[in-house]
Structure formats: structure tokens, C-alpha cells
Amino acid sequence: MTRAFRHRLARLAAAPDRGVAAAEWLIIGLPVALLLLGLAMIIIRGESAGADLTNAASAASRAASLQLTPGRATAAARRTATADLTSATTACRKIAVAVDTHRFAPGGAVTVTVACTISLSDLPIPTTPTRRLSATATSPVDVYGAATS
């Protein structure tokens, strides 16, 4: 045996646990990291869809408040919210729009609630496959407008 070989053999015998940290990381650390990544993706998708819903509800209530009749207000709100949420960048599916026009008169208000379902089934974490979100916005009807009940 050469001197270098004996030195290497002695070093290996003195540190038998060498390389175990990498195995521990693979067994414990990697699944934990993937779990945290999946949770982050759920939070990001939910917050993004929530922001989209809030914007759609606000735009829909404003569009409804500019109409002259409750029927037109309801149609404008549904059309605006659906158009805002059917873009390719939103996570919303199965959109529902509820319009409250019982205070639709000059000086009154229009309230629009927009709800949608977001899919979570494609994420790398076991969770419920869908989640239902909603947002509500109210806009005043112009006091000097020609709104009629």
C-alpha cells in the first residue's frame, strides 16, 4: 500500500457518516420544499383570482349604475363581469353574477356580487380540487341621472 492510499483509507474510517447530509436532505428536505411550493401556488392562485373578482365586481357595478333602467343595469353588470373574467389570464371558471337593483333610483345604489370557481386540481399538492370565491361592489346611481324604477 502506498502512503497516499493509507492516508485516504484512514480519513474514510475516521468519518463514516460523510455524505449522509445529502441523503437526509433528499428524504426530508425535498418533500417539505415541494409542499411549501404547492402551498405558495395555492395562495398565489387564490389571491390573483380574488383581485380579478374585485376588479370585475367594481367594473360591473359601475356599468350598472350608468344605465337608465334596472333591467339594463342587470344586463350591463352581467356582460361587464363576464367579459372581465373570461380572459385567458384569469383562473376563474363557472362565473356567477348577482345584481341587486332594489335601490336603483337617482341617489340610490347598485350592488353586484361576482362569484367564480378556481381549479386547484393541477397543483402538485393534495387539496380540494376547486375553491369558490366571491367579491361584492356597490356603486351609487347618479342623483341627476334619468334612472327610473
C-alpha atoms as a PDB file:
ATOM      1  CA  MET A   1       0.000   0.000   0.000  1.00  0.00           C
ATOM      2  CA  THR A   2       1.166   3.418  -0.819  1.00  0.00           C
ATOM      3  CA  ARG A   3       1.271   6.168   1.700  1.00  0.00           C
ATOM      4  CA  ALA A   4      -1.466   8.198  -0.107  1.00  0.00           C
ATOM      5  CA  PHE A   5      -3.801   5.212  -0.177  1.00  0.00           C
ATOM      6  CA  ARG A   6      -3.303   4.557   3.565  1.00  0.00           C
ATOM      7  CA  HIS A   7      -3.941   8.234   4.290  1.00  0.00           C
ATOM      8  CA  ARG A   8      -7.184   8.165   2.270  1.00  0.00           C
ATOM      9  CA  LEU A   9      -8.305   4.932   3.957  1.00  0.00           C
ATOM     10  CA  ALA A  10      -7.637   6.424   7.396  1.00  0.00           C
ATOM     11  CA  ARG A  11      -9.641   9.523   6.505  1.00  0.00           C
ATOM     12  CA  LEU A  12     -12.624   7.427   5.370  1.00  0.00           C
ATOM     13  CA  ALA A  13     -12.501   5.316   8.524  1.00  0.00           C
ATOM     14  CA  ALA A  14     -12.475   8.436  10.706  1.00  0.00           C
ATOM     15  CA  ALA A  15     -15.598   9.929   9.027  1.00  0.00           C
ATOM     16  CA  PRO A  16     -18.086   7.098   8.283  1.00  0.00           C
ATOM     17  CA  ASP A  17     -21.096   9.499   8.173  1.00  0.00           C
ATOM     18  CA  ARG A  18     -19.696  11.526   5.342  1.00  0.00           C
ATOM     19  CA  GLY A  19     -22.346  12.179   2.671  1.00  0.00           C
ATOM     20  CA  VAL A  20     -25.329  11.421   4.927  1.00  0.00           C
ATOM     21  CA  ALA A  21     -26.495  15.047   4.933  1.00  0.00           C
ATOM     22  CA  ALA A  22     -27.266  14.878   1.225  1.00  0.00           C
ATOM     23  CA  ALA A  23     -29.368  11.764   1.726  1.00  0.00           C
ATOM     24  CA  GLU A  24     -31.216  13.348   4.646  1.00  0.00           C
ATOM     25  CA  TRP A  25     -31.969  16.405   2.543  1.00  0.00           C
ATOM     26  CA  LEU A  26     -33.383  14.238  -0.228  1.00  0.00           C
ATOM     27  CA  ILE A  27     -35.543  12.247   2.171  1.00  0.00           C
ATOM     28  CA  ILE A  28     -36.833  15.117   4.317  1.00  0.00           C
ATOM     29  CA  GLY A  29     -35.976  18.442   2.738  1.00  0.00           C
ATOM     30  CA  LEU A  30     -37.170  17.865  -0.796  1.00  0.00           C
ATOM     31  CA  PRO A  31     -40.754  16.825   0.120  1.00  0.00           C
ATOM     32  CA  VAL A  32     -41.009  19.748   2.551  1.00  0.00           C
ATOM     33  CA  ALA A  33     -39.767  22.152  -0.120  1.00  0.00           C
ATOM     34  CA  LEU A  34     -42.298  20.778  -2.633  1.00  0.00           C
ATOM     35  CA  LEU A  35     -45.087  21.084  -0.062  1.00  0.00           C
ATOM     36  CA  LEU A  36     -44.187  24.728   0.593  1.00  0.00           C
ATOM     37  CA  LEU A  37     -44.056  25.401  -3.148  1.00  0.00           C
ATOM     38  CA  GLY A  38     -47.523  23.868  -3.580  1.00  0.00           C
ATOM     39  CA  LEU A  39     -48.929  25.968  -0.727  1.00  0.00           C
ATOM     40  CA  ALA A  40     -47.428  29.092  -2.261  1.00  0.00           C
ATOM     41  CA  MET A  41     -49.059  28.240  -5.586  1.00  0.00           C
ATOM     42  CA  ILE A  42     -52.466  27.816  -3.897  1.00  0.00           C
ATOM     43  CA  ILE A  43     -52.113  31.191  -2.171  1.00  0.00           C
ATOM     44  CA  ILE A  44     -50.968  32.968  -5.331  1.00  0.00           C
ATOM     45  CA  ARG A  45     -53.776  31.489  -7.438  1.00  0.00           C
ATOM     46  CA  GLY A  46     -56.398  32.405  -4.823  1.00  0.00           C
ATOM     47  CA  GLU A  47     -55.127  35.949  -4.372  1.00  0.00           C
ATOM     48  CA  SER A  48     -54.890  36.513  -8.116  1.00  0.00           C
ATOM     49  CA  ALA A  49     -58.445  35.278  -8.669  1.00  0.00           C
ATOM     50  CA  GLY A  50     -59.633  37.386  -5.717  1.00  0.00           C
ATOM     51  CA  ALA A  51     -58.117  40.507  -7.246  1.00  0.00           C
ATOM     52  CA  ASP A  52     -59.703  39.667 -10.612  1.00  0.00           C
ATOM     53  CA  LEU A  53     -63.094  39.209  -8.902  1.00  0.00           C
ATOM     54  CA  THR A  54     -62.826  42.501  -7.034  1.00  0.00           C
ATOM     55  CA  ASN A  55     -61.989  44.370 -10.238  1.00  0.00           C
ATOM     56  CA  ALA A  56     -64.806  42.661 -12.159  1.00  0.00           C
ATOM     57  CA  ALA A  57     -67.373  43.406  -9.427  1.00  0.00           C
ATOM     58  CA  SER A  58     -66.312  47.050  -9.299  1.00  0.00           C
ATOM     59  CA  ALA A  59     -66.466  47.465 -13.081  1.00  0.00           C
ATOM     60  CA  ALA A  60     -69.820  45.658 -13.251  1.00  0.00           C
ATOM     61  CA  SER A  61     -71.411  47.794 -10.523  1.00  0.00           C
ATOM     62  CA  ARG A  62     -70.156  50.956 -12.233  1.00  0.00           C
ATOM     63  CA  ALA A  63     -71.527  49.812 -15.605  1.00  0.00           C
ATOM     64  CA  ALA A  64     -74.868  49.012 -13.977  1.00  0.00           C
ATOM     65  CA  SER A  65     -75.074  52.387 -12.239  1.00  0.00           C
ATOM     66  CA  LEU A  66     -74.748  54.182 -15.578  1.00  0.00           C
ATOM     67  CA  GLN A  67     -77.856  52.523 -17.064  1.00  0.00           C
ATOM     68  CA  LEU A  68     -81.351  54.018 -17.136  1.00  0.00           C
ATOM     69  CA  THR A  69     -83.444  51.032 -16.040  1.00  0.00           C
ATOM     70  CA  PRO A  70     -82.945  48.129 -13.627  1.00  0.00           C
ATOM     71  CA  GLY A  71     -83.215  45.615 -16.473  1.00  0.00           C
ATOM     72  CA  ARG A  72     -80.493  47.310 -18.461  1.00  0.00           C
ATOM     73  CA  ALA A  73     -78.407  47.653 -15.315  1.00  0.00           C
ATOM     74  CA  THR A  74     -78.598  43.911 -14.672  1.00  0.00           C
ATOM     75  CA  ALA A  75     -77.672  43.088 -18.266  1.00  0.00           C
ATOM     76  CA  ALA A  76     -74.769  45.569 -18.279  1.00  0.00           C
ATOM     77  CA  ALA A  77     -73.411  44.218 -14.996  1.00  0.00           C
ATOM     78  CA  ARG A  78     -73.527  40.609 -16.188  1.00  0.00           C
ATOM     79  CA  ARG A  79     -71.984  41.466 -19.540  1.00  0.00           C
ATOM     80  CA  THR A  80     -69.160  43.509 -17.950  1.00  0.00           C
ATOM     81  CA  ALA A  81     -68.283  40.972 -15.245  1.00  0.00           C
ATOM     82  CA  THR A  82     -68.337  38.045 -17.663  1.00  0.00           C
ATOM     83  CA  ALA A  83     -66.160  39.895 -20.169  1.00  0.00           C
ATOM     84  CA  ASP A  84     -63.640  40.787 -17.455  1.00  0.00           C
ATOM     85  CA  LEU A  85     -63.383  37.233 -16.129  1.00  0.00           C
ATOM     86  CA  THR A  86     -63.340  35.234 -19.360  1.00  0.00           C
ATOM     87  CA  SER A  87     -59.879  36.396 -20.367  1.00  0.00           C
ATOM     88  CA  ALA A  88     -57.186  33.746 -20.675  1.00  0.00           C
ATOM     89  CA  THR A  89     -55.152  35.161 -17.781  1.00  0.00           C
ATOM     90  CA  THR A  90     -57.719  34.615 -15.024  1.00  0.00           C
ATOM     91  CA  ALA A  91     -58.090  31.414 -13.003  1.00  0.00           C
ATOM     92  CA  CYS A  92     -61.872  31.881 -12.709  1.00  0.00           C
ATOM     93  CA  ARG A  93     -64.264  29.298 -14.118  1.00  0.00           C
ATOM     94  CA  LYS A  94     -68.044  28.913 -13.654  1.00  0.00           C
ATOM     95  CA  ILE A  95     -68.785  32.611 -13.224  1.00  0.00           C
ATOM     96  CA  ALA A  96     -71.967  33.737 -11.456  1.00  0.00           C
ATOM     97  CA  VAL A  97     -73.160  37.353 -11.280  1.00  0.00           C
ATOM     98  CA  ALA A  98     -75.889  38.585  -8.906  1.00  0.00           C
ATOM     99  CA  VAL A  99     -77.186  42.138  -9.300  1.00  0.00           C
ATOM    100  CA  ASP A 100     -79.186  43.892  -6.583  1.00  0.00           C
ATOM    101  CA  THR A 101     -81.213  46.742  -8.109  1.00  0.00           C
ATOM    102  CA  HIS A 102     -83.809  47.211  -5.359  1.00  0.00           C
ATOM    103  CA  ARG A 103     -82.322  50.677  -4.634  1.00  0.00           C
ATOM    104  CA  PHE A 104     -81.979  51.583  -8.320  1.00  0.00           C
ATOM    105  CA  ALA A 105     -83.126  55.212  -8.376  1.00  0.00           C
ATOM    106  CA  PRO A 106     -81.374  58.572  -8.501  1.00  0.00           C
ATOM    107  CA  GLY A 107     -79.306  58.773  -5.313  1.00  0.00           C
ATOM    108  CA  GLY A 108     -79.631  55.003  -4.727  1.00  0.00           C
ATOM    109  CA  ALA A 109     -77.103  52.309  -5.388  1.00  0.00           C
ATOM    110  CA  VAL A 110     -76.469  49.138  -7.360  1.00  0.00           C
ATOM    111  CA  THR A 111     -74.736  46.189  -5.713  1.00  0.00           C
ATOM    112  CA  VAL A 112     -73.084  43.467  -7.757  1.00  0.00           C
ATOM    113  CA  THR A 113     -71.747  40.187  -6.380  1.00  0.00           C
ATOM    114  CA  VAL A 114     -69.481  38.172  -8.641  1.00  0.00           C
ATOM    115  CA  ALA A 115     -68.502  34.604  -7.775  1.00  0.00           C
ATOM    116  CA  CYS A 116     -66.374  32.036  -9.536  1.00  0.00           C
ATOM    117  CA  THR A 117     -64.737  28.678  -9.041  1.00  0.00           C
ATOM    118  CA  ILE A 118     -60.989  28.260  -9.338  1.00  0.00           C
ATOM    119  CA  SER A 119     -59.420  24.899 -10.081  1.00  0.00           C
ATOM    120  CA  LEU A 120     -56.656  23.601  -7.814  1.00  0.00           C
ATOM    121  CA  SER A 121     -56.527  20.057  -9.155  1.00  0.00           C
ATOM    122  CA  ASP A 122     -53.478  20.718 -11.342  1.00  0.00           C
ATOM    123  CA  LEU A 123     -51.285  21.771  -8.409  1.00  0.00           C
ATOM    124  CA  PRO A 124     -48.672  19.368  -7.009  1.00  0.00           C
ATOM    125  CA  ILE A 125     -50.286  19.158  -3.567  1.00  0.00           C
ATOM    126  CA  PRO A 126     -53.262  17.141  -2.332  1.00  0.00           C
ATOM    127  CA  THR A 127     -56.095  19.603  -1.748  1.00  0.00           C
ATOM    128  CA  THR A 128     -59.709  20.160  -2.662  1.00  0.00           C
ATOM    129  CA  PRO A 129     -59.988  20.236  -6.459  1.00  0.00           C
ATOM    130  CA  THR A 130     -61.890  23.541  -6.571  1.00  0.00           C
ATOM    131  CA  ARG A 131     -62.397  26.625  -4.462  1.00  0.00           C
ATOM    132  CA  ARG A 132     -65.295  29.106  -4.655  1.00  0.00           C
ATOM    133  CA  LEU A 133     -64.514  32.828  -4.316  1.00  0.00           C
ATOM    134  CA  SER A 134     -66.731  35.903  -4.440  1.00  0.00           C
ATOM    135  CA  ALA A 135     -66.490  39.697  -4.341  1.00  0.00           C
ATOM    136  CA  THR A 136     -69.107  42.407  -3.914  1.00  0.00           C
ATOM    137  CA  ALA A 137     -69.059  46.035  -5.033  1.00  0.00           C
ATOM    138  CA  THR A 138     -71.589  48.850  -4.781  1.00  0.00           C
ATOM    139  CA  SER A 139     -71.802  51.946  -6.968  1.00  0.00           C
ATOM    140  CA  PRO A 140     -74.061  54.935  -6.471  1.00  0.00           C
ATOM    141  CA  VAL A 141     -76.657  55.808  -9.071  1.00  0.00           C
ATOM    142  CA  ASP A 142     -76.256  59.394 -10.258  1.00  0.00           C
ATOM    143  CA  VAL A 143     -78.541  61.787  -8.384  1.00  0.00           C
ATOM    144  CA  TYR A 144     -79.085  63.851 -11.527  1.00  0.00           C
ATOM    145  CA  GLY A 145     -79.382  60.873 -13.888  1.00  0.00           C
ATOM    146  CA  ALA A 146     -82.534  59.725 -15.549  1.00  0.00           C
ATOM    147  CA  ALA A 147     -82.797  56.375 -13.725  1.00  0.00           C
ATOM    148  CA  THR A 148     -86.319  55.096 -13.360  1.00  0.00           C
ATOM    149  CA  SER A 149     -87.615  52.153 -11.372  1.00  0.00           C
END
